[in-house]
Amino acid sequence: PYYAQRLSWRDCGVPGFQCATLRAP
């Protein structure tokens, strides 16, 4: 499940950058 995840990108609040959350054990 960890290797199958895909990132959901969102606005970072910093122009030009996107942020996401990665899950790990």
mmCIF file of all heavy atoms, coordinates in Angstrom:
data_MODEL
# 
_entry.id   MODEL 
# 
loop_
_atom_site.group_PDB 
_atom_site.id 
_atom_site.type_symbol 
_atom_site.label_atom_id 
_atom_site.label_alt_id 
_atom_site.label_comp_id 
_atom_site.label_asym_id 
_atom_site.label_entity_id 
_atom_site.label_seq_id 
_atom_site.pdbx_PDB_ins_code 
_atom_site.Cartn_x 
_atom_site.Cartn_y 
_atom_site.Cartn_z 
_atom_site.occupancy 
_atom_site.B_iso_or_equiv 
_atom_site.pdbx_formal_charge 
_atom_site.auth_seq_id 
_atom_site.auth_comp_id 
_atom_site.auth_asym_id 
_atom_site.auth_atom_id 
_atom_site.pdbx_PDB_model_num 
ATOM 1   N N   . PRO A 1 1  ? 0.812  -1.226 0.000  1.00 0.00 ? 1  PRO A N   1 
ATOM 2   C CA  . PRO A 1 1  ? 0.000  0.000  0.000  1.00 0.00 ? 1  PRO A CA  1 
ATOM 3   C C   . PRO A 1 1  ? 0.838  1.267  0.000  1.00 0.00 ? 1  PRO A C   1 
ATOM 4   O O   . PRO A 1 1  ? 0.436  2.279  -0.585 1.00 0.00 ? 1  PRO A O   1 
ATOM 5   C CB  . PRO A 1 1  ? -0.811 -0.129 1.301  1.00 0.00 ? 1  PRO A CB  1 
ATOM 6   C CG  . PRO A 1 1  ? -0.840 -1.586 1.593  1.00 0.00 ? 1  PRO A CG  1 
ATOM 7   C CD  . PRO A 1 1  ? 0.481  -2.110 1.130  1.00 0.00 ? 1  PRO A CD  1 
ATOM 8   N N   . TYR A 1 2  ? 1.984  1.205  0.645  1.00 0.00 ? 2  TYR A N   1 
ATOM 9   C CA  . TYR A 1 2  ? 2.861  2.378  0.655  1.00 0.00 ? 2  TYR A CA  1 
ATOM 10  C C   . TYR A 1 2  ? 3.447  2.635  -0.732 1.00 0.00 ? 2  TYR A C   1 
ATOM 11  O O   . TYR A 1 2  ? 3.545  3.777  -1.176 1.00 0.00 ? 2  TYR A O   1 
ATOM 12  C CB  . TYR A 1 2  ? 3.978  2.189  1.679  1.00 0.00 ? 2  TYR A CB  1 
ATOM 13  C CG  . TYR A 1 2  ? 3.506  2.209  3.115  1.00 0.00 ? 2  TYR A CG  1 
ATOM 14  C CD1 . TYR A 1 2  ? 3.472  1.038  3.868  1.00 0.00 ? 2  TYR A CD1 1 
ATOM 15  C CD2 . TYR A 1 2  ? 3.089  3.390  3.705  1.00 0.00 ? 2  TYR A CD2 1 
ATOM 16  C CE1 . TYR A 1 2  ? 3.043  1.050  5.193  1.00 0.00 ? 2  TYR A CE1 1 
ATOM 17  C CE2 . TYR A 1 2  ? 2.650  3.416  5.023  1.00 0.00 ? 2  TYR A CE2 1 
ATOM 18  C CZ  . TYR A 1 2  ? 2.631  2.243  5.758  1.00 0.00 ? 2  TYR A CZ  1 
ATOM 19  O OH  . TYR A 1 2  ? 2.198  2.273  7.061  1.00 0.00 ? 2  TYR A OH  1 
ATOM 20  N N   . TYR A 1 3  ? 3.836  1.554  -1.402 1.00 0.00 ? 3  TYR A N   1 
ATOM 21  C CA  . TYR A 1 3  ? 4.403  1.719  -2.745 1.00 0.00 ? 3  TYR A CA  1 
ATOM 22  C C   . TYR A 1 3  ? 3.342  2.049  -3.789 1.00 0.00 ? 3  TYR A C   1 
ATOM 23  O O   . TYR A 1 3  ? 3.656  2.586  -4.851 1.00 0.00 ? 3  TYR A O   1 
ATOM 24  C CB  . TYR A 1 3  ? 5.180  0.459  -3.145 1.00 0.00 ? 3  TYR A CB  1 
ATOM 25  C CG  . TYR A 1 3  ? 6.626  0.496  -2.694 1.00 0.00 ? 3  TYR A CG  1 
ATOM 26  C CD1 . TYR A 1 3  ? 7.022  -0.128 -1.523 1.00 0.00 ? 3  TYR A CD1 1 
ATOM 27  C CD2 . TYR A 1 3  ? 7.585  1.184  -3.439 1.00 0.00 ? 3  TYR A CD2 1 
ATOM 28  C CE1 . TYR A 1 3  ? 8.347  -0.078 -1.100 1.00 0.00 ? 3  TYR A CE1 1 
ATOM 29  C CE2 . TYR A 1 3  ? 8.904  1.241  -3.030 1.00 0.00 ? 3  TYR A CE2 1 
ATOM 30  C CZ  . TYR A 1 3  ? 9.286  0.609  -1.866 1.00 0.00 ? 3  TYR A CZ  1 
ATOM 31  O OH  . TYR A 1 3  ? 10.592 0.678  -1.454 1.00 0.00 ? 3  TYR A OH  1 
ATOM 32  N N   . ALA A 1 4  ? 2.098  1.747  -3.486 1.00 0.00 ? 4  ALA A N   1 
ATOM 33  C CA  . ALA A 1 4  ? 1.025  2.005  -4.461 1.00 0.00 ? 4  ALA A CA  1 
ATOM 34  C C   . ALA A 1 4  ? 0.442  3.406  -4.332 1.00 0.00 ? 4  ALA A C   1 
ATOM 35  O O   . ALA A 1 4  ? -0.341 3.829  -5.188 1.00 0.00 ? 4  ALA A O   1 
ATOM 36  C CB  . ALA A 1 4  ? -0.081 0.973  -4.286 1.00 0.00 ? 4  ALA A CB  1 
ATOM 37  N N   . GLN A 1 5  ? 0.821  4.152  -3.296 1.00 0.00 ? 5  GLN A N   1 
ATOM 38  C CA  . GLN A 1 5  ? 0.190  5.455  -3.077 1.00 0.00 ? 5  GLN A CA  1 
ATOM 39  C C   . GLN A 1 5  ? 0.592  6.453  -4.158 1.00 0.00 ? 5  GLN A C   1 
ATOM 40  O O   . GLN A 1 5  ? 1.675  6.383  -4.748 1.00 0.00 ? 5  GLN A O   1 
ATOM 41  C CB  . GLN A 1 5  ? 0.549  6.001  -1.690 1.00 0.00 ? 5  GLN A CB  1 
ATOM 42  C CG  . GLN A 1 5  ? 2.012  6.376  -1.500 1.00 0.00 ? 5  GLN A CG  1 
ATOM 43  C CD  . GLN A 1 5  ? 2.343  6.807  -0.076 1.00 0.00 ? 5  GLN A CD  1 
ATOM 44  O OE1 . GLN A 1 5  ? 1.783  7.785  0.428  1.00 0.00 ? 5  GLN A OE1 1 
ATOM 45  N NE2 . GLN A 1 5  ? 3.238  6.061  0.564  1.00 0.00 ? 5  GLN A NE2 1 
ATOM 46  N N   . ARG A 1 6  ? -0.285 7.392  -4.403 1.00 0.00 ? 6  ARG A N   1 
ATOM 47  C CA  . ARG A 1 6  ? -0.006 8.507  -5.301 1.00 0.00 ? 6  ARG A CA  1 
ATOM 48  C C   . ARG A 1 6  ? -0.230 9.791  -4.516 1.00 0.00 ? 6  ARG A C   1 
ATOM 49  O O   . ARG A 1 6  ? -1.126 9.883  -3.671 1.00 0.00 ? 6  ARG A O   1 
ATOM 50  C CB  . ARG A 1 6  ? -0.902 8.467  -6.539 1.00 0.00 ? 6  ARG A CB  1 
ATOM 51  C CG  . ARG A 1 6  ? -0.513 7.369  -7.520 1.00 0.00 ? 6  ARG A CG  1 
ATOM 52  C CD  . ARG A 1 6  ? 0.858  7.611  -8.128 1.00 0.00 ? 6  ARG A CD  1 
ATOM 53  N NE  . ARG A 1 6  ? 1.279  6.557  -9.036 1.00 0.00 ? 6  ARG A NE  1 
ATOM 54  C CZ  . ARG A 1 6  ? 2.061  5.539  -8.701 1.00 0.00 ? 6  ARG A CZ  1 
ATOM 55  N NH1 . ARG A 1 6  ? 2.480  5.430  -7.424 1.00 0.00 ? 6  ARG A NH1 1 
ATOM 56  N NH2 . ARG A 1 6  ? 2.409  4.639  -9.592 1.00 0.00 ? 6  ARG A NH2 1 
ATOM 57  N N   . LEU A 1 7  ? 0.560  10.773 -4.803 1.00 0.00 ? 7  LEU A N   1 
ATOM 58  C CA  . LEU A 1 7  ? 0.527  12.010 -4.024 1.00 0.00 ? 7  LEU A CA  1 
ATOM 59  C C   . LEU A 1 7  ? -0.609 12.916 -4.479 1.00 0.00 ? 7  LEU A C   1 
ATOM 60  O O   . LEU A 1 7  ? -0.879 13.041 -5.686 1.00 0.00 ? 7  LEU A O   1 
ATOM 61  C CB  . LEU A 1 7  ? 1.860  12.744 -4.151 1.00 0.00 ? 7  LEU A CB  1 
ATOM 62  C CG  . LEU A 1 7  ? 3.082  11.960 -3.661 1.00 0.00 ? 7  LEU A CG  1 
ATOM 63  C CD1 . LEU A 1 7  ? 4.361  12.741 -3.944 1.00 0.00 ? 7  LEU A CD1 1 
ATOM 64  C CD2 . LEU A 1 7  ? 2.968  11.664 -2.169 1.00 0.00 ? 7  LEU A CD2 1 
ATOM 65  N N   . SER A 1 8  ? -1.249 13.538 -3.526 1.00 0.00 ? 8  SER A N   1 
ATOM 66  C CA  . SER A 1 8  ? -2.301 14.515 -3.809 1.00 0.00 ? 8  SER A CA  1 
ATOM 67  C C   . SER A 1 8  ? -1.708 15.910 -3.585 1.00 0.00 ? 8  SER A C   1 
ATOM 68  O O   . SER A 1 8  ? -1.521 16.334 -2.441 1.00 0.00 ? 8  SER A O   1 
ATOM 69  C CB  . SER A 1 8  ? -3.503 14.279 -2.887 1.00 0.00 ? 8  SER A CB  1 
ATOM 70  O OG  . SER A 1 8  ? -4.500 15.247 -3.119 1.00 0.00 ? 8  SER A OG  1 
ATOM 71  N N   . TRP A 1 9  ? -1.419 16.604 -4.663 1.00 0.00 ? 9  TRP A N   1 
ATOM 72  C CA  . TRP A 1 9  ? -0.729 17.889 -4.563 1.00 0.00 ? 9  TRP A CA  1 
ATOM 73  C C   . TRP A 1 9  ? -1.709 19.017 -4.257 1.00 0.00 ? 9  TRP A C   1 
ATOM 74  O O   . TRP A 1 9  ? -2.845 19.009 -4.717 1.00 0.00 ? 9  TRP A O   1 
ATOM 75  C CB  . TRP A 1 9  ? 0.021  18.194 -5.859 1.00 0.00 ? 9  TRP A CB  1 
ATOM 76  C CG  . TRP A 1 9  ? 1.130  17.230 -6.129 1.00 0.00 ? 9  TRP A CG  1 
ATOM 77  C CD1 . TRP A 1 9  ? 1.106  16.169 -6.986 1.00 0.00 ? 9  TRP A CD1 1 
ATOM 78  C CD2 . TRP A 1 9  ? 2.418  17.219 -5.506 1.00 0.00 ? 9  TRP A CD2 1 
ATOM 79  N NE1 . TRP A 1 9  ? 2.298  15.498 -6.953 1.00 0.00 ? 9  TRP A NE1 1 
ATOM 80  C CE2 . TRP A 1 9  ? 3.132  16.121 -6.057 1.00 0.00 ? 9  TRP A CE2 1 
ATOM 81  C CE3 . TRP A 1 9  ? 3.038  18.025 -4.550 1.00 0.00 ? 9  TRP A CE3 1 
ATOM 82  C CZ2 . TRP A 1 9  ? 4.431  15.819 -5.677 1.00 0.00 ? 9  TRP A CZ2 1 
ATOM 83  C CZ3 . TRP A 1 9  ? 4.333  17.720 -4.170 1.00 0.00 ? 9  TRP A CZ3 1 
ATOM 84  C CH2 . TRP A 1 9  ? 5.019  16.629 -4.721 1.00 0.00 ? 9  TRP A CH2 1 
ATOM 85  N N   . ARG A 1 10 ? -1.248 19.965 -3.475 1.00 0.00 ? 10 ARG A N   1 
ATOM 86  C CA  . ARG A 1 10 ? -2.056 21.123 -3.097 1.00 0.00 ? 10 ARG A CA  1 
ATOM 87  C C   . ARG A 1 10 ? -1.172 22.366 -3.087 1.00 0.00 ? 10 ARG A C   1 
ATOM 88  O O   . ARG A 1 10 ? 0.057  22.269 -3.135 1.00 0.00 ? 10 ARG A O   1 
ATOM 89  C CB  . ARG A 1 10 ? -2.663 20.905 -1.707 1.00 0.00 ? 10 ARG A CB  1 
ATOM 90  C CG  . ARG A 1 10 ? -1.618 20.713 -0.619 1.00 0.00 ? 10 ARG A CG  1 
ATOM 91  C CD  . ARG A 1 10 ? -2.239 20.362 0.731  1.00 0.00 ? 10 ARG A CD  1 
ATOM 92  N NE  . ARG A 1 10 ? -1.218 20.254 1.776  1.00 0.00 ? 10 ARG A NE  1 
ATOM 93  C CZ  . ARG A 1 10 ? -0.503 19.168 2.027  1.00 0.00 ? 10 ARG A CZ  1 
ATOM 94  N NH1 . ARG A 1 10 ? -0.695 18.064 1.286  1.00 0.00 ? 10 ARG A NH1 1 
ATOM 95  N NH2 . ARG A 1 10 ? 0.393  19.153 2.987  1.00 0.00 ? 10 ARG A NH2 1 
ATOM 96  N N   . ASP A 1 11 ? -1.804 23.498 -3.001 1.00 0.00 ? 11 ASP A N   1 
ATOM 97  C CA  . ASP A 1 11 ? -1.067 24.761 -2.945 1.00 0.00 ? 11 ASP A CA  1 
ATOM 98  C C   . ASP A 1 11 ? -0.309 24.847 -1.610 1.00 0.00 ? 11 ASP A C   1 
ATOM 99  O O   . ASP A 1 11 ? -0.876 24.595 -0.548 1.00 0.00 ? 11 ASP A O   1 
ATOM 100 C CB  . ASP A 1 11 ? -2.057 25.920 -3.073 1.00 0.00 ? 11 ASP A CB  1 
ATOM 101 C CG  . ASP A 1 11 ? -1.363 27.273 -3.087 1.00 0.00 ? 11 ASP A CG  1 
ATOM 102 O OD1 . ASP A 1 11 ? -0.129 27.313 -3.194 1.00 0.00 ? 11 ASP A OD1 1 
ATOM 103 O OD2 . ASP A 1 11 ? -2.075 28.290 -2.978 1.00 0.00 ? 11 ASP A OD2 1 
ATOM 104 N N   . CYS A 1 12 ? 0.953  25.206 -1.671 1.00 0.00 ? 12 CYS A N   1 
ATOM 105 C CA  . CYS A 1 12 ? 1.783  25.334 -0.466 1.00 0.00 ? 12 CYS A CA  1 
ATOM 106 C C   . CYS A 1 12 ? 1.568  26.647 0.270  1.00 0.00 ? 12 CYS A C   1 
ATOM 107 O O   . CYS A 1 12 ? 2.001  26.800 1.411  1.00 0.00 ? 12 CYS A O   1 
ATOM 108 C CB  . CYS A 1 12 ? 3.271  25.279 -0.843 1.00 0.00 ? 12 CYS A CB  1 
ATOM 109 S SG  . CYS A 1 12 ? 3.937  23.638 -1.055 1.00 0.00 ? 12 CYS A SG  1 
ATOM 110 N N   . GLY A 1 13 ? 0.991  27.620 -0.423 1.00 0.00 ? 13 GLY A N   1 
ATOM 111 C CA  . GLY A 1 13 ? 0.968  28.966 0.144  1.00 0.00 ? 13 GLY A CA  1 
ATOM 112 C C   . GLY A 1 13 ? 2.209  29.742 -0.207 1.00 0.00 ? 13 GLY A C   1 
ATOM 113 O O   . GLY A 1 13 ? 2.372  30.893 0.203  1.00 0.00 ? 13 GLY A O   1 
ATOM 114 N N   . VAL A 1 14 ? 3.097  29.121 -0.972 1.00 0.00 ? 14 VAL A N   1 
ATOM 115 C CA  . VAL A 1 14 ? 4.313  29.768 -1.461 1.00 0.00 ? 14 VAL A CA  1 
ATOM 116 C C   . VAL A 1 14 ? 4.243  29.729 -2.978 1.00 0.00 ? 14 VAL A C   1 
ATOM 117 O O   . VAL A 1 14 ? 4.208  28.650 -3.567 1.00 0.00 ? 14 VAL A O   1 
ATOM 118 C CB  . VAL A 1 14 ? 5.583  29.043 -0.966 1.00 0.00 ? 14 VAL A CB  1 
ATOM 119 C CG1 . VAL A 1 14 ? 6.830  29.722 -1.512 1.00 0.00 ? 14 VAL A CG1 1 
ATOM 120 C CG2 . VAL A 1 14 ? 5.617  28.996 0.558  1.00 0.00 ? 14 VAL A CG2 1 
ATOM 121 N N   . PRO A 1 15 ? 4.212  30.881 -3.637 1.00 0.00 ? 15 PRO A N   1 
ATOM 122 C CA  . PRO A 1 15 ? 4.046  30.895 -5.091 1.00 0.00 ? 15 PRO A CA  1 
ATOM 123 C C   . PRO A 1 15 ? 5.090  30.030 -5.801 1.00 0.00 ? 15 PRO A C   1 
ATOM 124 O O   . PRO A 1 15 ? 6.280  30.083 -5.490 1.00 0.00 ? 15 PRO A O   1 
ATOM 125 C CB  . PRO A 1 15 ? 4.225  32.380 -5.448 1.00 0.00 ? 15 PRO A CB  1 
ATOM 126 C CG  . PRO A 1 15 ? 3.825  33.108 -4.206 1.00 0.00 ? 15 PRO A CG  1 
ATOM 127 C CD  . PRO A 1 15 ? 4.287  32.244 -3.070 1.00 0.00 ? 15 PRO A CD  1 
ATOM 128 N N   . GLY A 1 16 ? 4.607  29.206 -6.727 1.00 0.00 ? 16 GLY A N   1 
ATOM 129 C CA  . GLY A 1 16 ? 5.500  28.385 -7.525 1.00 0.00 ? 16 GLY A CA  1 
ATOM 130 C C   . GLY A 1 16 ? 5.747  26.998 -6.960 1.00 0.00 ? 16 GLY A C   1 
ATOM 131 O O   . GLY A 1 16 ? 6.477  26.205 -7.585 1.00 0.00 ? 16 GLY A O   1 
ATOM 132 N N   . PHE A 1 17 ? 5.178  26.678 -5.798 1.00 0.00 ? 17 PHE A N   1 
ATOM 133 C CA  . PHE A 1 17 ? 5.437  25.384 -5.161 1.00 0.00 ? 17 PHE A CA  1 
ATOM 134 C C   . PHE A 1 17 ? 4.128  24.682 -4.821 1.00 0.00 ? 17 PHE A C   1 
ATOM 135 O O   . PHE A 1 17 ? 3.133  25.327 -4.485 1.00 0.00 ? 17 PHE A O   1 
ATOM 136 C CB  . PHE A 1 17 ? 6.272  25.559 -3.898 1.00 0.00 ? 17 PHE A CB  1 
ATOM 137 C CG  . PHE A 1 17 ? 7.632  26.130 -4.162 1.00 0.00 ? 17 PHE A CG  1 
ATOM 138 C CD1 . PHE A 1 17 ? 7.844  27.506 -4.083 1.00 0.00 ? 17 PHE A CD1 1 
ATOM 139 C CD2 . PHE A 1 17 ? 8.706  25.316 -4.500 1.00 0.00 ? 17 PHE A CD2 1 
ATOM 140 C CE1 . PHE A 1 17 ? 9.094  28.054 -4.343 1.00 0.00 ? 17 PHE A CE1 1 
ATOM 141 C CE2 . PHE A 1 17 ? 9.959  25.853 -4.755 1.00 0.00 ? 17 PHE A CE2 1 
ATOM 142 C CZ  . PHE A 1 17 ? 10.158 27.220 -4.680 1.00 0.00 ? 17 PHE A CZ  1 
ATOM 143 N N   . GLN A 1 18 ? 4.172  23.358 -4.879 1.00 0.00 ? 18 GLN A N   1 
ATOM 144 C CA  . GLN A 1 18 ? 3.065  22.517 -4.458 1.00 0.00 ? 18 GLN A CA  1 
ATOM 145 C C   . GLN A 1 18 ? 3.527  21.620 -3.308 1.00 0.00 ? 18 GLN A C   1 
ATOM 146 O O   . GLN A 1 18 ? 4.711  21.306 -3.198 1.00 0.00 ? 18 GLN A O   1 
ATOM 147 C CB  . GLN A 1 18 ? 2.583  21.638 -5.621 1.00 0.00 ? 18 GLN A CB  1 
ATOM 148 C CG  . GLN A 1 18 ? 2.024  22.405 -6.798 1.00 0.00 ? 18 GLN A CG  1 
ATOM 149 C CD  . GLN A 1 18 ? 1.692  21.475 -7.946 1.00 0.00 ? 18 GLN A CD  1 
ATOM 150 O OE1 . GLN A 1 18 ? 2.497  20.628 -8.338 1.00 0.00 ? 18 GLN A OE1 1 
ATOM 151 N NE2 . GLN A 1 18 ? 0.485  21.610 -8.492 1.00 0.00 ? 18 GLN A NE2 1 
ATOM 152 N N   . CYS A 1 19 ? 2.598  21.216 -2.476 1.00 0.00 ? 19 CYS A N   1 
ATOM 153 C CA  . CYS A 1 19 ? 2.921  20.371 -1.325 1.00 0.00 ? 19 CYS A CA  1 
ATOM 154 C C   . CYS A 1 19 ? 2.044  19.126 -1.323 1.00 0.00 ? 19 CYS A C   1 
ATOM 155 O O   . CYS A 1 19 ? 0.958  19.097 -1.912 1.00 0.00 ? 19 CYS A O   1 
ATOM 156 C CB  . CYS A 1 19 ? 2.725  21.147 -0.018 1.00 0.00 ? 19 CYS A CB  1 
ATOM 157 S SG  . CYS A 1 19 ? 3.969  22.416 0.270  1.00 0.00 ? 19 CYS A SG  1 
ATOM 158 N N   . ALA A 1 20 ? 2.531  18.086 -0.651 1.00 0.00 ? 20 ALA A N   1 
ATOM 159 C CA  . ALA A 1 20 ? 1.795  16.836 -0.532 1.00 0.00 ? 20 ALA A CA  1 
ATOM 160 C C   . ALA A 1 20 ? 2.270  16.112 0.724  1.00 0.00 ? 20 ALA A C   1 
ATOM 161 O O   . ALA A 1 20 ? 3.224  16.540 1.384  1.00 0.00 ? 20 ALA A O   1 
ATOM 162 C CB  . ALA A 1 20 ? 2.013  15.968 -1.769 1.00 0.00 ? 20 ALA A CB  1 
ATOM 163 N N   . THR A 1 21 ? 1.603  15.014 1.033  1.00 0.00 ? 21 THR A N   1 
ATOM 164 C CA  . THR A 1 21 ? 1.956  14.196 2.192  1.00 0.00 ? 21 THR A CA  1 
ATOM 165 C C   . THR A 1 21 ? 2.223  12.777 1.736  1.00 0.00 ? 21 THR A C   1 
ATOM 166 O O   . THR A 1 21 ? 1.415  12.187 1.008  1.00 0.00 ? 21 THR A O   1 
ATOM 167 C CB  . THR A 1 21 ? 0.822  14.209 3.226  1.00 0.00 ? 21 THR A CB  1 
ATOM 168 O OG1 . THR A 1 21 ? 0.587  15.553 3.661  1.00 0.00 ? 21 THR A OG1 1 
ATOM 169 C CG2 . THR A 1 21 ? 1.197  13.361 4.430  1.00 0.00 ? 21 THR A CG2 1 
ATOM 170 N N   . LEU A 1 22 ? 3.359  12.231 2.151  1.00 0.00 ? 22 LEU A N   1 
ATOM 171 C CA  . LEU A 1 22 ? 3.738  10.861 1.847  1.00 0.00 ? 22 LEU A CA  1 
ATOM 172 C C   . LEU A 1 22 ? 3.562  10.017 3.104  1.00 0.00 ? 22 LEU A C   1 
ATOM 173 O O   . LEU A 1 22 ? 3.980  10.418 4.191  1.00 0.00 ? 22 LEU A O   1 
ATOM 174 C CB  . LEU A 1 22 ? 5.200  10.805 1.394  1.00 0.00 ? 22 LEU A CB  1 
ATOM 175 C CG  . LEU A 1 22 ? 5.772  9.418  1.076  1.00 0.00 ? 22 LEU A CG  1 
ATOM 176 C CD1 . LEU A 1 22 ? 5.259  8.941  -0.278 1.00 0.00 ? 22 LEU A CD1 1 
ATOM 177 C CD2 . LEU A 1 22 ? 7.306  9.452  1.081  1.00 0.00 ? 22 LEU A CD2 1 
ATOM 178 N N   . ARG A 1 23 ? 2.954  8.860  2.979  1.00 0.00 ? 23 ARG A N   1 
ATOM 179 C CA  . ARG A 1 23 ? 2.794  7.950  4.110  1.00 0.00 ? 23 ARG A CA  1 
ATOM 180 C C   . ARG A 1 23 ? 3.900  6.901  4.092  1.00 0.00 ? 23 ARG A C   1 
ATOM 181 O O   . ARG A 1 23 ? 4.272  6.381  3.032  1.00 0.00 ? 23 ARG A O   1 
ATOM 182 C CB  . ARG A 1 23 ? 1.428  7.273  4.062  1.00 0.00 ? 23 ARG A CB  1 
ATOM 183 C CG  . ARG A 1 23 ? 0.260  8.218  4.305  1.00 0.00 ? 23 ARG A CG  1 
ATOM 184 C CD  . ARG A 1 23 ? -1.074 7.496  4.218  1.00 0.00 ? 23 ARG A CD  1 
ATOM 185 N NE  . ARG A 1 23 ? -1.354 7.046  2.863  1.00 0.00 ? 23 ARG A NE  1 
ATOM 186 C CZ  . ARG A 1 23 ? -1.282 5.787  2.446  1.00 0.00 ? 23 ARG A CZ  1 
ATOM 187 N NH1 . ARG A 1 23 ? -0.934 4.822  3.296  1.00 0.00 ? 23 ARG A NH1 1 
ATOM 188 N NH2 . ARG A 1 23 ? -1.561 5.471  1.199  1.00 0.00 ? 23 ARG A NH2 1 
ATOM 189 N N   . ALA A 1 24 ? 4.425  6.588  5.273  1.00 0.00 ? 24 ALA A N   1 
ATOM 190 C CA  . ALA A 1 24 ? 5.477  5.583  5.402  1.00 0.00 ? 24 ALA A CA  1 
ATOM 191 C C   . ALA A 1 24 ? 5.265  4.813  6.700  1.00 0.00 ? 24 ALA A C   1 
ATOM 192 O O   . ALA A 1 24 ? 4.649  5.328  7.643  1.00 0.00 ? 24 ALA A O   1 
ATOM 193 C CB  . ALA A 1 24 ? 6.858  6.238  5.404  1.00 0.00 ? 24 ALA A CB  1 
ATOM 194 N N   . PRO A 1 25 ? 5.755  3.591  6.786  1.00 0.00 ? 25 PRO A N   1 
ATOM 195 C CA  . PRO A 1 25 ? 5.679  2.885  8.067  1.00 0.00 ? 25 PRO A CA  1 
ATOM 196 C C   . PRO A 1 25 ? 6.616  3.519  9.079  1.00 0.00 ? 25 PRO A C   1 
ATOM 197 O O   . PRO A 1 25 ? 7.724  3.937  8.728  1.00 0.00 ? 25 PRO A O   1 
ATOM 198 C CB  . PRO A 1 25 ? 6.117  1.459  7.725  1.00 0.00 ? 25 PRO A CB  1 
ATOM 199 C CG  . PRO A 1 25 ? 6.871  1.564  6.452  1.00 0.00 ? 25 PRO A CG  1 
ATOM 200 C CD  . PRO A 1 25 ? 6.359  2.770  5.729  1.00 0.00 ? 25 PRO A CD  1 
# 
